[in-house]
């Protein structure tokens, strides 16, 4: 079984996003020098690269908290 992520597993500046009501996404900064960010889909408890082009204005939103986001990861296991 996959281990649930903890807030400390992510670098500062990580954005936690909910896509289509039940898919937990994380936008992780790539470095302090501003090299951009990488998106990951955590549905199922394991991070997989996510194509950010799928996001539209009305199909995603910031999670209210890390706990709300982590609850979606847990529900997807």
C-alpha atoms as a PDB file:
ATOM      1  CA  UNK A   1       0.000   0.000   0.000  1.00  0.00           C
ATOM      2  CA  UNK A   2       1.237   3.486  -0.835  1.00  0.00           C
ATOM      3  CA  UNK A   3       2.378   5.741   1.989  1.00  0.00           C
ATOM      4  CA  UNK A   4       0.338   8.893   2.390  1.00  0.00           C
ATOM      5  CA  UNK A   5       2.395  11.993   1.671  1.00  0.00           C
ATOM      6  CA  UNK A   6       3.130  14.424   4.474  1.00  0.00           C
ATOM      7  CA  UNK A   7       3.517  18.184   4.134  1.00  0.00           C
ATOM      8  CA  UNK A   8       7.212  17.860   4.955  1.00  0.00           C
ATOM      9  CA  UNK A   9       7.685  15.674   1.846  1.00  0.00           C
ATOM     10  CA  UNK A  10       7.259  18.769  -0.348  1.00  0.00           C
ATOM     11  CA  UNK A  11       9.511  21.800  -0.766  1.00  0.00           C
ATOM     12  CA  UNK A  12       8.356  25.261   0.236  1.00  0.00           C
ATOM     13  CA  UNK A  13       6.272  26.842  -2.467  1.00  0.00           C
ATOM     14  CA  UNK A  14       4.511  23.652  -3.542  1.00  0.00           C
ATOM     15  CA  UNK A  15       0.929  24.322  -4.660  1.00  0.00           C
ATOM     16  CA  UNK A  16      -1.750  21.739  -3.868  1.00  0.00           C
ATOM     17  CA  UNK A  17      -4.536  21.715  -6.439  1.00  0.00           C
ATOM     18  CA  UNK A  18      -7.773  19.775  -6.886  1.00  0.00           C
ATOM     19  CA  UNK A  19      -8.670  18.804 -10.441  1.00  0.00           C
ATOM     20  CA  UNK A  20     -12.181  17.718 -11.413  1.00  0.00           C
ATOM     21  CA  UNK A  21     -13.328  17.352  -7.761  1.00  0.00           C
ATOM     22  CA  UNK A  22     -11.268  14.289  -6.798  1.00  0.00           C
ATOM     23  CA  UNK A  23      -7.814  14.344  -8.406  1.00  0.00           C
ATOM     24  CA  UNK A  24      -5.033  15.702  -6.172  1.00  0.00           C
ATOM     25  CA  UNK A  25      -2.341  17.545  -8.138  1.00  0.00           C
ATOM     26  CA  UNK A  26       0.854  19.088  -6.808  1.00  0.00           C
ATOM     27  CA  UNK A  27       2.840  21.824  -8.532  1.00  0.00           C
ATOM     28  CA  UNK A  28       6.365  21.455  -7.186  1.00  0.00           C
ATOM     29  CA  UNK A  29       8.981  24.179  -7.706  1.00  0.00           C
ATOM     30  CA  UNK A  30      12.117  22.805  -9.384  1.00  0.00           C
ATOM     31  CA  UNK A  31      14.661  24.945  -7.651  1.00  0.00           C
ATOM     32  CA  UNK A  32      15.475  28.166  -5.924  1.00  0.00           C
ATOM     33  CA  UNK A  33      16.970  29.657  -9.104  1.00  0.00           C
ATOM     34  CA  UNK A  34      13.545  29.826 -10.741  1.00  0.00           C
ATOM     35  CA  UNK A  35      13.818  26.862 -13.092  1.00  0.00           C
ATOM     36  CA  UNK A  36      10.035  26.566 -13.218  1.00  0.00           C
ATOM     37  CA  UNK A  37       7.868  23.893 -11.696  1.00  0.00           C
ATOM     38  CA  UNK A  38       6.714  20.335 -12.305  1.00  0.00           C
ATOM     39  CA  UNK A  39       3.150  19.055 -11.996  1.00  0.00           C
ATOM     40  CA  UNK A  40       2.303  15.657 -10.500  1.00  0.00           C
ATOM     41  CA  UNK A  41      -0.931  13.676 -10.216  1.00  0.00           C
ATOM     42  CA  UNK A  42      -1.118  11.931  -6.827  1.00  0.00           C
ATOM     43  CA  UNK A  43      -4.303   9.941  -7.508  1.00  0.00           C
ATOM     44  CA  UNK A  44      -3.607   6.407  -6.289  1.00  0.00           C
ATOM     45  CA  UNK A  45      -0.913   7.528  -3.844  1.00  0.00           C
ATOM     46  CA  UNK A  46       2.059   7.627  -6.220  1.00  0.00           C
ATOM     47  CA  UNK A  47       3.177  10.784  -8.012  1.00  0.00           C
ATOM     48  CA  UNK A  48       3.027  10.667 -11.800  1.00  0.00           C
ATOM     49  CA  UNK A  49       3.955  13.524 -14.118  1.00  0.00           C
ATOM     50  CA  UNK A  50       0.909  15.527 -15.137  1.00  0.00           C
ATOM     51  CA  UNK A  51       0.436  17.461 -18.390  1.00  0.00           C
ATOM     52  CA  UNK A  52      -0.486  20.918 -17.159  1.00  0.00           C
ATOM     53  CA  UNK A  53      -2.094  21.680 -20.527  1.00  0.00           C
ATOM     54  CA  UNK A  54      -5.143  19.736 -19.318  1.00  0.00           C
ATOM     55  CA  UNK A  55      -5.924  22.410 -16.735  1.00  0.00           C
ATOM     56  CA  UNK A  56      -8.567  24.945 -17.708  1.00  0.00           C
ATOM     57  CA  UNK A  57      -9.876  27.953 -15.812  1.00  0.00           C
ATOM     58  CA  UNK A  58     -12.933  26.107 -14.513  1.00  0.00           C
ATOM     59  CA  UNK A  59     -11.762  22.519 -13.906  1.00  0.00           C
ATOM     60  CA  UNK A  60      -9.331  23.009 -11.007  1.00  0.00           C
ATOM     61  CA  UNK A  61      -8.781  25.124  -7.908  1.00  0.00           C
ATOM     62  CA  UNK A  62      -6.312  25.462  -5.028  1.00  0.00           C
ATOM     63  CA  UNK A  63      -6.938  23.081  -2.138  1.00  0.00           C
ATOM     64  CA  UNK A  64      -8.175  24.826   0.994  1.00  0.00           C
ATOM     65  CA  UNK A  65      -5.371  23.131   2.940  1.00  0.00           C
ATOM     66  CA  UNK A  66      -2.783  20.396   2.668  1.00  0.00           C
ATOM     67  CA  UNK A  67      -5.068  18.240   4.808  1.00  0.00           C
ATOM     68  CA  UNK A  68      -7.937  18.579   2.309  1.00  0.00           C
ATOM     69  CA  UNK A  69      -5.556  17.631  -0.522  1.00  0.00           C
ATOM     70  CA  UNK A  70      -4.106  14.668   1.423  1.00  0.00           C
ATOM     71  CA  UNK A  71      -7.634  13.403   2.153  1.00  0.00           C
ATOM     72  CA  UNK A  72      -8.167  13.100  -1.625  1.00  0.00           C
ATOM     73  CA  UNK A  73      -4.959  11.108  -1.939  1.00  0.00           C
ATOM     74  CA  UNK A  74      -6.157   8.809   0.850  1.00  0.00           C
ATOM     75  CA  UNK A  75      -9.584   8.388  -0.754  1.00  0.00           C
ATOM     76  CA  UNK A  76      -7.922   7.378  -4.043  1.00  0.00           C
ATOM     77  CA  UNK A  77      -6.057   4.443  -2.511  1.00  0.00           C
END
